Amino acid sequence: MERRKAPNSYSRQTMVAFEVAFAIGEGLGVGAAVVVYFSWPNAPIWAYSTALGVGFVISLVIFLRIRPKFKCPQCGKELRRDAMFGMKEGEPIRFVCSTCQIKWESGMSVTRGGGD
């Protein structure tokens, strides 16, 4: 099976989608925290935490809705998660097009959150 590097546009579009989703969701979360601050003068800390947490959840939902789909640059077929390889930390994320028999390197790698 042939291996090729996918155009950089996919990783760039994914990062832009993440940044937009985070900006919208956290903007709503901070806005909700400001509303709590002015409408509930002696609000407990959990009220602010809840507002920011809701903003984070909204960020994730927005990102899942607007993230770009990986399409084979050769034939244009949308390659879904079942065509994706690279599940362990540090591995490159690859998509395999069964039509073209090409393994596309996305330019991104698997990372896990957390400390060192």
C-alpha atoms as a PDB file:
ATOM      1  CA  MET A   1       0.000   0.000   0.000  1.00  0.00           C
ATOM      2  CA  GLU A   2       1.336   3.386  -1.001  1.00  0.00           C
ATOM      3  CA  ARG A   3       1.975   6.030   1.689  1.00  0.00           C
ATOM      4  CA  ARG A   4       1.539   9.739   0.991  1.00  0.00           C
ATOM      5  CA  LYS A   5       1.510  12.901   3.048  1.00  0.00           C
ATOM      6  CA  ALA A   6      -1.879  14.588   3.045  1.00  0.00           C
ATOM      7  CA  PRO A   7      -2.083  18.305   2.293  1.00  0.00           C
ATOM      8  CA  ASN A   8      -1.548  20.495   5.379  1.00  0.00           C
ATOM      9  CA  SER A   9      -5.016  21.944   4.977  1.00  0.00           C
ATOM     10  CA  TYR A  10      -6.644  19.185   7.081  1.00  0.00           C
ATOM     11  CA  SER A  11      -4.573  19.802  10.208  1.00  0.00           C
ATOM     12  CA  ARG A  12      -4.880  23.556   9.729  1.00  0.00           C
ATOM     13  CA  GLN A  13      -8.674  23.343   9.333  1.00  0.00           C
ATOM     14  CA  THR A  14      -8.924  21.141  12.424  1.00  0.00           C
ATOM     15  CA  MET A  15      -6.976  23.628  14.531  1.00  0.00           C
ATOM     16  CA  VAL A  16      -9.069  26.560  13.271  1.00  0.00           C
ATOM     17  CA  ALA A  17     -12.279  24.644  14.068  1.00  0.00           C
ATOM     18  CA  PHE A  18     -10.986  23.912  17.584  1.00  0.00           C
ATOM     19  CA  GLU A  19     -10.036  27.541  18.191  1.00  0.00           C
ATOM     20  CA  VAL A  20     -13.400  28.831  16.951  1.00  0.00           C
ATOM     21  CA  ALA A  21     -15.337  26.305  19.053  1.00  0.00           C
ATOM     22  CA  PHE A  22     -13.266  27.095  22.149  1.00  0.00           C
ATOM     23  CA  ALA A  23     -13.691  30.851  21.675  1.00  0.00           C
ATOM     24  CA  ILE A  24     -17.468  30.585  21.308  1.00  0.00           C
ATOM     25  CA  GLY A  25     -17.988  28.091  24.132  1.00  0.00           C
ATOM     26  CA  GLU A  26     -15.740  29.776  26.641  1.00  0.00           C
ATOM     27  CA  GLY A  27     -17.093  33.179  25.665  1.00  0.00           C
ATOM     28  CA  LEU A  28     -20.539  31.891  26.584  1.00  0.00           C
ATOM     29  CA  GLY A  29     -19.151  30.368  29.798  1.00  0.00           C
ATOM     30  CA  VAL A  30     -17.461  33.597  30.869  1.00  0.00           C
ATOM     31  CA  GLY A  31     -20.597  35.523  29.910  1.00  0.00           C
ATOM     32  CA  ALA A  32     -22.655  33.214  32.125  1.00  0.00           C
ATOM     33  CA  ALA A  33     -20.167  33.713  34.978  1.00  0.00           C
ATOM     34  CA  VAL A  34     -20.527  37.498  34.605  1.00  0.00           C
ATOM     35  CA  VAL A  35     -24.317  37.157  34.713  1.00  0.00           C
ATOM     36  CA  VAL A  36     -24.006  35.054  37.895  1.00  0.00           C
ATOM     37  CA  TYR A  37     -21.691  37.670  39.402  1.00  0.00           C
ATOM     38  CA  PHE A  38     -24.118  40.549  38.835  1.00  0.00           C
ATOM     39  CA  SER A  39     -27.383  38.707  39.498  1.00  0.00           C
ATOM     40  CA  TRP A  40     -26.310  36.675  42.556  1.00  0.00           C
ATOM     41  CA  PRO A  41     -24.079  38.936  44.690  1.00  0.00           C
ATOM     42  CA  ASN A  42     -22.865  36.296  47.174  1.00  0.00           C
ATOM     43  CA  ALA A  43     -22.811  33.348  44.803  1.00  0.00           C
ATOM     44  CA  PRO A  44     -20.829  30.294  45.925  1.00  0.00           C
ATOM     45  CA  ILE A  45     -17.820  29.248  43.880  1.00  0.00           C
ATOM     46  CA  TRP A  46     -19.670  26.261  42.423  1.00  0.00           C
ATOM     47  CA  ALA A  47     -21.983  28.647  40.541  1.00  0.00           C
ATOM     48  CA  TYR A  48     -19.010  30.137  38.684  1.00  0.00           C
ATOM     49  CA  SER A  49     -17.445  26.720  38.146  1.00  0.00           C
ATOM     50  CA  THR A  50     -20.705  25.434  36.707  1.00  0.00           C
ATOM     51  CA  ALA A  51     -20.952  28.383  34.316  1.00  0.00           C
ATOM     52  CA  LEU A  52     -17.405  27.835  33.060  1.00  0.00           C
ATOM     53  CA  GLY A  53     -17.932  24.064  32.877  1.00  0.00           C
ATOM     54  CA  VAL A  54     -21.021  24.522  30.754  1.00  0.00           C
ATOM     55  CA  GLY A  55     -18.984  26.763  28.464  1.00  0.00           C
ATOM     56  CA  PHE A  56     -16.369  24.013  28.125  1.00  0.00           C
ATOM     57  CA  VAL A  57     -19.023  21.399  27.280  1.00  0.00           C
ATOM     58  CA  ILE A  58     -20.499  23.777  24.705  1.00  0.00           C
ATOM     59  CA  SER A  59     -16.983  24.150  23.220  1.00  0.00           C
ATOM     60  CA  LEU A  60     -16.690  20.391  22.799  1.00  0.00           C
ATOM     61  CA  VAL A  61     -20.139  20.044  21.245  1.00  0.00           C
ATOM     62  CA  ILE A  62     -19.458  22.866  18.794  1.00  0.00           C
ATOM     63  CA  PHE A  63     -16.089  21.359  17.849  1.00  0.00           C
ATOM     64  CA  LEU A  64     -17.636  17.937  17.226  1.00  0.00           C
ATOM     65  CA  ARG A  65     -20.206  19.564  14.937  1.00  0.00           C
ATOM     66  CA  ILE A  66     -17.850  21.795  12.908  1.00  0.00           C
ATOM     67  CA  ARG A  67     -14.647  19.756  12.728  1.00  0.00           C
ATOM     68  CA  PRO A  68     -13.594  18.990   9.173  1.00  0.00           C
ATOM     69  CA  LYS A  69     -13.989  15.520   7.742  1.00  0.00           C
ATOM     70  CA  PHE A  70     -10.904  13.955   6.188  1.00  0.00           C
ATOM     71  CA  LYS A  71     -11.390  13.382   2.473  1.00  0.00           C
ATOM     72  CA  CYS A  72      -9.034  11.409   0.287  1.00  0.00           C
ATOM     73  CA  PRO A  73      -7.097  13.984  -1.759  1.00  0.00           C
ATOM     74  CA  GLN A  74      -6.954  11.486  -4.647  1.00  0.00           C
ATOM     75  CA  CYS A  75     -10.623  10.456  -5.084  1.00  0.00           C
ATOM     76  CA  GLY A  76     -12.498  12.750  -2.668  1.00  0.00           C
ATOM     77  CA  LYS A  77     -14.068   9.915  -0.649  1.00  0.00           C
ATOM     78  CA  GLU A  78     -14.794  10.860   2.971  1.00  0.00           C
ATOM     79  CA  LEU A  79     -12.675   8.688   5.236  1.00  0.00           C
ATOM     80  CA  ARG A  80     -14.387   8.065   8.545  1.00  0.00           C
ATOM     81  CA  ARG A  81     -13.054   6.889  11.891  1.00  0.00           C
ATOM     82  CA  ASP A  82     -13.090   3.242  10.792  1.00  0.00           C
ATOM     83  CA  ALA A  83     -10.468   4.143   8.150  1.00  0.00           C
ATOM     84  CA  MET A  84      -8.277   5.907  10.738  1.00  0.00           C
ATOM     85  CA  PHE A  85      -5.141   4.422  12.267  1.00  0.00           C
ATOM     86  CA  GLY A  86      -2.974   5.747  15.073  1.00  0.00           C
ATOM     87  CA  MET A  87      -4.598   5.202  18.430  1.00  0.00           C
ATOM     88  CA  LYS A  88      -1.587   5.021  20.761  1.00  0.00           C
ATOM     89  CA  GLU A  89       0.120   8.070  22.218  1.00  0.00           C
ATOM     90  CA  GLY A  90       2.754   9.539  19.921  1.00  0.00           C
ATOM     91  CA  GLU A  91       1.600   7.642  16.833  1.00  0.00           C
ATOM     92  CA  PRO A  92       0.890   9.611  13.662  1.00  0.00           C
ATOM     93  CA  ILE A  93      -2.760   9.760  12.645  1.00  0.00           C
ATOM     94  CA  ARG A  94      -3.247   8.058   9.286  1.00  0.00           C
ATOM     95  CA  PHE A  95      -6.268   7.463   7.081  1.00  0.00           C
ATOM     96  CA  VAL A  96      -6.473   4.580   4.614  1.00  0.00           C
ATOM     97  CA  CYS A  97      -8.483   4.978   1.429  1.00  0.00           C
ATOM     98  CA  SER A  98      -9.683   1.544   0.372  1.00  0.00           C
ATOM     99  CA  THR A  99     -10.622   2.856  -3.073  1.00  0.00           C
ATOM    100  CA  CYS A 100      -7.195   4.287  -3.965  1.00  0.00           C
ATOM    101  CA  GLN A 101      -5.153   1.919  -1.746  1.00  0.00           C
ATOM    102  CA  ILE A 102      -3.267   4.881  -0.273  1.00  0.00           C
ATOM    103  CA  LYS A 103      -2.334   5.450   3.367  1.00  0.00           C
ATOM    104  CA  TRP A 104      -2.560   9.197   4.016  1.00  0.00           C
ATOM    105  CA  GLU A 105      -0.408  10.764   6.753  1.00  0.00           C
ATOM    106  CA  SER A 106      -2.553  13.546   8.264  1.00  0.00           C
ATOM    107  CA  GLY A 107       0.352  15.502   9.732  1.00  0.00           C
ATOM    108  CA  MET A 108      -1.060  15.140  13.265  1.00  0.00           C
ATOM    109  CA  SER A 109      -0.245  12.683  16.024  1.00  0.00           C
ATOM    110  CA  VAL A 110      -2.108  11.211  18.962  1.00  0.00           C
ATOM    111  CA  THR A 111      -1.647  13.088  22.223  1.00  0.00           C
ATOM    112  CA  ARG A 112      -3.228  12.540  25.591  1.00  0.00           C
ATOM    113  CA  GLY A 113      -4.031  15.233  28.079  1.00  0.00           C
ATOM    114  CA  GLY A 114      -2.316  15.316  31.424  1.00  0.00           C
ATOM    115  CA  GLY A 115       0.965  16.246  32.978  1.00  0.00           C
ATOM    116  CA  ASP A 116       4.480  15.001  32.429  1.00  0.00           C
END
